[in-house]
Amino acid sequence: MANFSKAIGITLQHEGYYSNVEGDLGGETYRGVSRKWNPGWLGWSIVDREKRQNGGKLTKNYKIEDDDLTYFIEQIYKEKYWMSLSLDER
């Protein structure tokens, strides 16, 4: 049986933190979650709060230390990708 905890750990080793690179089709992203494709993701409220606290902008690969954000990252990966592929059953 596939193991989500192991898979998310490996996945996040390859994803950066904050990014908003001109020309990137996904636009603004955090840990691989694109605002363009996931505009209602709950993590954006935490990212936006961090941006406000930093003058409206974050640098590339800026890391936000927030337990709720970590939870929301894991939750979206599990719901959108893991569960949609029924990986718990493999």
N, C-alpha and C. Protein backbone atom coordinates (compact mmCIF):
# COMPACT_ATOMS: atom_id res chain seq x y z
N MET A 1 0.84 -1.19 0.00
CA MET A 1 0.00 0.00 0.00
C MET A 1 0.89 1.25 0.00
N ALA A 2 0.50 2.23 -0.79
CA ALA A 2 1.25 3.48 -0.89
C ALA A 2 1.16 4.25 0.43
N ASN A 3 2.17 5.06 0.70
CA ASN A 3 2.27 5.78 1.97
C ASN A 3 2.29 7.28 1.70
N PHE A 4 1.22 7.99 2.06
CA PHE A 4 1.12 9.42 1.79
C PHE A 4 2.21 10.21 2.51
N SER A 5 2.48 9.90 3.76
CA SER A 5 3.48 10.66 4.52
C SER A 5 4.85 10.60 3.84
N LYS A 6 5.22 9.43 3.37
CA LYS A 6 6.50 9.29 2.67
C LYS A 6 6.47 10.05 1.35
N ALA A 7 5.38 9.92 0.61
CA ALA A 7 5.27 10.57 -0.69
C ALA A 7 5.28 12.10 -0.58
N ILE A 8 4.57 12.65 0.40
CA ILE A 8 4.54 14.11 0.53
C ILE A 8 5.90 14.62 0.96
N GLY A 9 6.60 13.87 1.79
CA GLY A 9 7.95 14.26 2.19
C GLY A 9 8.89 14.35 1.00
N ILE A 10 8.82 13.37 0.12
CA ILE A 10 9.66 13.36 -1.07
C ILE A 10 9.26 14.50 -2.01
N THR A 11 7.97 14.68 -2.20
CA THR A 11 7.46 15.73 -3.08
C THR A 11 7.93 17.11 -2.63
N LEU A 12 7.79 17.38 -1.33
CA LEU A 12 8.13 18.72 -0.83
C LEU A 12 9.63 18.97 -0.79
N GLN A 13 10.44 17.92 -0.89
CA GLN A 13 11.89 18.12 -1.02
C GLN A 13 12.22 18.77 -2.37
N HIS A 14 11.30 18.61 -3.33
CA HIS A 14 11.54 19.12 -4.68
C HIS A 14 10.76 20.40 -4.99
N GLU A 15 9.94 20.82 -4.07
CA GLU A 15 9.18 22.05 -4.26
C GLU A 15 9.81 23.15 -3.41
N GLY A 16 9.90 24.32 -3.98
CA GLY A 16 10.42 25.45 -3.23
C GLY A 16 9.33 26.03 -2.33
N TYR A 17 9.57 27.22 -1.85
CA TYR A 17 8.60 27.89 -1.00
C TYR A 17 7.86 28.92 -1.87
N TYR A 18 7.95 30.18 -1.58
CA TYR A 18 7.20 31.19 -2.33
C TYR A 18 7.86 31.48 -3.68
N SER A 19 7.04 31.66 -4.68
CA SER A 19 7.54 32.04 -6.00
C SER A 19 6.47 32.82 -6.75
N ASN A 20 6.90 33.84 -7.46
CA ASN A 20 6.01 34.58 -8.34
C ASN A 20 6.86 35.12 -9.49
N VAL A 21 7.27 34.20 -10.34
CA VAL A 21 8.20 34.50 -11.42
C VAL A 21 7.43 34.88 -12.68
N GLU A 22 7.78 36.02 -13.26
CA GLU A 22 7.14 36.45 -14.50
C GLU A 22 7.34 35.39 -15.58
N GLY A 23 6.27 35.07 -16.28
CA GLY A 23 6.32 34.08 -17.33
C GLY A 23 5.98 32.66 -16.89
N ASP A 24 5.93 32.43 -15.57
CA ASP A 24 5.55 31.11 -15.06
C ASP A 24 4.04 30.96 -15.26
N LEU A 25 3.63 29.93 -15.98
CA LEU A 25 2.21 29.75 -16.29
C LEU A 25 1.33 29.58 -15.06
N GLY A 26 1.89 29.08 -13.97
CA GLY A 26 1.12 28.91 -12.73
C GLY A 26 0.99 30.19 -11.94
N GLY A 27 1.81 31.17 -12.30
CA GLY A 27 1.79 32.43 -11.56
C GLY A 27 2.34 32.26 -10.16
N GLU A 28 1.73 32.93 -9.23
CA GLU A 28 2.17 32.89 -7.83
C GLU A 28 1.98 31.47 -7.27
N THR A 29 3.01 30.95 -6.62
CA THR A 29 2.92 29.61 -6.04
C THR A 29 3.55 29.58 -4.66
N TYR A 30 3.10 28.63 -3.88
CA TYR A 30 3.73 28.32 -2.59
C TYR A 30 3.77 26.82 -2.44
N ARG A 31 4.97 26.28 -2.30
CA ARG A 31 5.21 24.84 -2.17
C ARG A 31 4.57 24.05 -3.31
N GLY A 32 4.56 24.64 -4.49
CA GLY A 32 4.03 23.97 -5.67
C GLY A 32 2.54 24.17 -5.89
N VAL A 33 1.88 24.87 -4.97
CA VAL A 33 0.45 25.14 -5.10
C VAL A 33 0.30 26.47 -5.83
N SER A 34 -0.32 26.44 -6.99
CA SER A 34 -0.46 27.62 -7.83
C SER A 34 -1.75 28.38 -7.50
N ARG A 35 -1.63 29.69 -7.32
CA ARG A 35 -2.83 30.49 -7.07
C ARG A 35 -3.75 30.47 -8.29
N LYS A 36 -3.17 30.44 -9.48
CA LYS A 36 -3.97 30.44 -10.70
C LYS A 36 -4.88 29.21 -10.76
N TRP A 37 -4.35 28.06 -10.40
CA TRP A 37 -5.11 26.81 -10.49
C TRP A 37 -5.83 26.45 -9.19
N ASN A 38 -5.49 27.14 -8.10
CA ASN A 38 -6.09 26.85 -6.79
C ASN A 38 -6.43 28.16 -6.07
N PRO A 39 -7.26 29.01 -6.67
CA PRO A 39 -7.50 30.33 -6.08
C PRO A 39 -8.22 30.29 -4.73
N GLY A 40 -8.97 29.25 -4.45
CA GLY A 40 -9.70 29.16 -3.20
C GLY A 40 -8.96 28.43 -2.08
N TRP A 41 -7.71 28.06 -2.33
CA TRP A 41 -6.93 27.32 -1.33
C TRP A 41 -6.79 28.14 -0.05
N LEU A 42 -7.06 27.52 1.09
CA LEU A 42 -7.04 28.22 2.37
C LEU A 42 -5.66 28.77 2.74
N GLY A 43 -4.61 28.20 2.20
CA GLY A 43 -3.26 28.68 2.49
C GLY A 43 -2.98 30.07 1.99
N TRP A 44 -3.74 30.51 0.97
CA TRP A 44 -3.46 31.85 0.43
C TRP A 44 -3.71 32.96 1.46
N SER A 45 -4.62 32.75 2.39
CA SER A 45 -4.85 33.79 3.40
C SER A 45 -3.61 33.98 4.27
N ILE A 46 -2.89 32.89 4.54
CA ILE A 46 -1.66 32.98 5.33
C ILE A 46 -0.54 33.61 4.50
N VAL A 47 -0.43 33.21 3.25
CA VAL A 47 0.58 33.81 2.36
C VAL A 47 0.31 35.31 2.21
N ASP A 48 -0.95 35.68 2.01
CA ASP A 48 -1.30 37.10 1.85
C ASP A 48 -1.01 37.89 3.12
N ARG A 49 -1.28 37.30 4.27
CA ARG A 49 -0.97 37.98 5.54
C ARG A 49 0.54 38.23 5.65
N GLU A 50 1.32 37.23 5.29
CA GLU A 50 2.78 37.36 5.33
C GLU A 50 3.25 38.45 4.35
N LYS A 51 2.63 38.51 3.19
CA LYS A 51 2.97 39.56 2.22
C LYS A 51 2.68 40.94 2.80
N ARG A 52 1.52 41.10 3.42
CA ARG A 52 1.17 42.40 4.02
C ARG A 52 2.19 42.80 5.08
N GLN A 53 2.63 41.83 5.86
CA GLN A 53 3.60 42.12 6.93
C GLN A 53 4.99 42.44 6.38
N ASN A 54 5.20 42.16 5.10
CA ASN A 54 6.50 42.41 4.46
C ASN A 54 6.38 43.43 3.33
N GLY A 55 5.52 44.39 3.50
CA GLY A 55 5.40 45.47 2.53
C GLY A 55 4.72 45.09 1.22
N GLY A 56 3.96 44.00 1.23
CA GLY A 56 3.20 43.62 0.05
C GLY A 56 3.91 42.68 -0.90
N LYS A 57 5.13 42.27 -0.54
CA LYS A 57 5.90 41.43 -1.46
C LYS A 57 6.75 40.44 -0.67
N LEU A 58 6.94 39.26 -1.27
CA LEU A 58 7.85 38.27 -0.69
C LEU A 58 8.94 37.97 -1.70
N THR A 59 10.11 37.67 -1.22
CA THR A 59 11.21 37.31 -2.10
C THR A 59 11.06 35.87 -2.58
N LYS A 60 11.73 35.55 -3.67
CA LYS A 60 11.68 34.20 -4.21
C LYS A 60 12.20 33.21 -3.17
N ASN A 61 11.47 32.13 -3.00
CA ASN A 61 11.78 31.03 -2.10
C ASN A 61 11.66 31.42 -0.63
N TYR A 62 10.87 32.46 -0.35
CA TYR A 62 10.60 32.89 1.02
C TYR A 62 9.83 31.80 1.75
N LYS A 63 10.31 31.41 2.92
CA LYS A 63 9.69 30.35 3.70
C LYS A 63 8.83 30.94 4.80
N ILE A 64 7.59 30.50 4.85
CA ILE A 64 6.66 30.95 5.89
C ILE A 64 6.56 29.85 6.94
N GLU A 65 6.88 30.20 8.17
CA GLU A 65 6.80 29.25 9.29
C GLU A 65 5.41 29.36 9.91
N ASP A 66 4.53 28.44 9.59
CA ASP A 66 3.16 28.48 10.10
C ASP A 66 2.59 27.06 10.05
N ASP A 67 2.20 26.54 11.20
CA ASP A 67 1.68 25.16 11.27
C ASP A 67 0.41 24.98 10.46
N ASP A 68 -0.46 25.99 10.45
CA ASP A 68 -1.69 25.88 9.65
C ASP A 68 -1.36 25.80 8.17
N LEU A 69 -0.40 26.58 7.72
CA LEU A 69 -0.01 26.56 6.32
C LEU A 69 0.55 25.19 5.94
N THR A 70 1.35 24.61 6.81
CA THR A 70 1.87 23.27 6.57
C THR A 70 0.72 22.27 6.43
N TYR A 71 -0.27 22.38 7.30
CA TYR A 71 -1.44 21.51 7.23
C TYR A 71 -2.18 21.70 5.90
N PHE A 72 -2.40 22.95 5.50
CA PHE A 72 -3.13 23.22 4.26
C PHE A 72 -2.38 22.69 3.03
N ILE A 73 -1.04 22.75 3.07
CA ILE A 73 -0.24 22.22 1.97
C ILE A 73 -0.46 20.72 1.86
N GLU A 74 -0.32 20.03 2.97
CA GLU A 74 -0.50 18.58 2.97
C GLU A 74 -1.93 18.21 2.57
N GLN A 75 -2.89 18.97 3.05
CA GLN A 75 -4.30 18.70 2.75
C GLN A 75 -4.59 18.81 1.25
N ILE A 76 -4.09 19.85 0.58
CA ILE A 76 -4.40 20.00 -0.84
C ILE A 76 -3.73 18.91 -1.66
N TYR A 77 -2.50 18.55 -1.32
CA TYR A 77 -1.84 17.47 -2.04
C TYR A 77 -2.62 16.15 -1.86
N LYS A 78 -3.07 15.91 -0.64
CA LYS A 78 -3.79 14.66 -0.39
C LYS A 78 -5.12 14.64 -1.13
N GLU A 79 -5.89 15.72 -1.03
CA GLU A 79 -7.22 15.75 -1.64
C GLU A 79 -7.17 15.80 -3.17
N LYS A 80 -6.33 16.69 -3.72
CA LYS A 80 -6.33 16.89 -5.17
C LYS A 80 -5.59 15.81 -5.95
N TYR A 81 -4.57 15.25 -5.34
CA TYR A 81 -3.72 14.33 -6.10
C TYR A 81 -3.75 12.91 -5.55
N TRP A 82 -3.55 12.73 -4.26
CA TRP A 82 -3.48 11.40 -3.67
C TRP A 82 -4.83 10.69 -3.72
N MET A 83 -5.84 11.33 -3.18
CA MET A 83 -7.17 10.70 -3.11
C MET A 83 -7.81 10.57 -4.50
N SER A 84 -7.58 11.55 -5.36
CA SER A 84 -8.19 11.50 -6.69
C SER A 84 -7.65 10.33 -7.51
N LEU A 85 -6.46 9.86 -7.16
CA LEU A 85 -5.87 8.70 -7.83
C LEU A 85 -6.05 7.40 -7.03
N SER A 86 -6.80 7.50 -5.92
CA SER A 86 -7.07 6.34 -5.05
C SER A 86 -5.77 5.64 -4.61
N LEU A 87 -4.76 6.42 -4.27
CA LEU A 87 -3.47 5.84 -3.94
C LEU A 87 -3.46 5.08 -2.62
N ASP A 88 -4.42 5.35 -1.74
CA ASP A 88 -4.50 4.58 -0.49
C ASP A 88 -4.86 3.12 -0.79
N GLU A 89 -5.42 2.88 -1.93
CA GLU A 89 -5.85 1.53 -2.29
C GLU A 89 -4.79 0.75 -3.06
N ARG A 90 -3.67 1.36 -3.33
CA ARG A 90 -2.63 0.69 -4.14
C ARG A 90 -1.54 0.14 -3.27
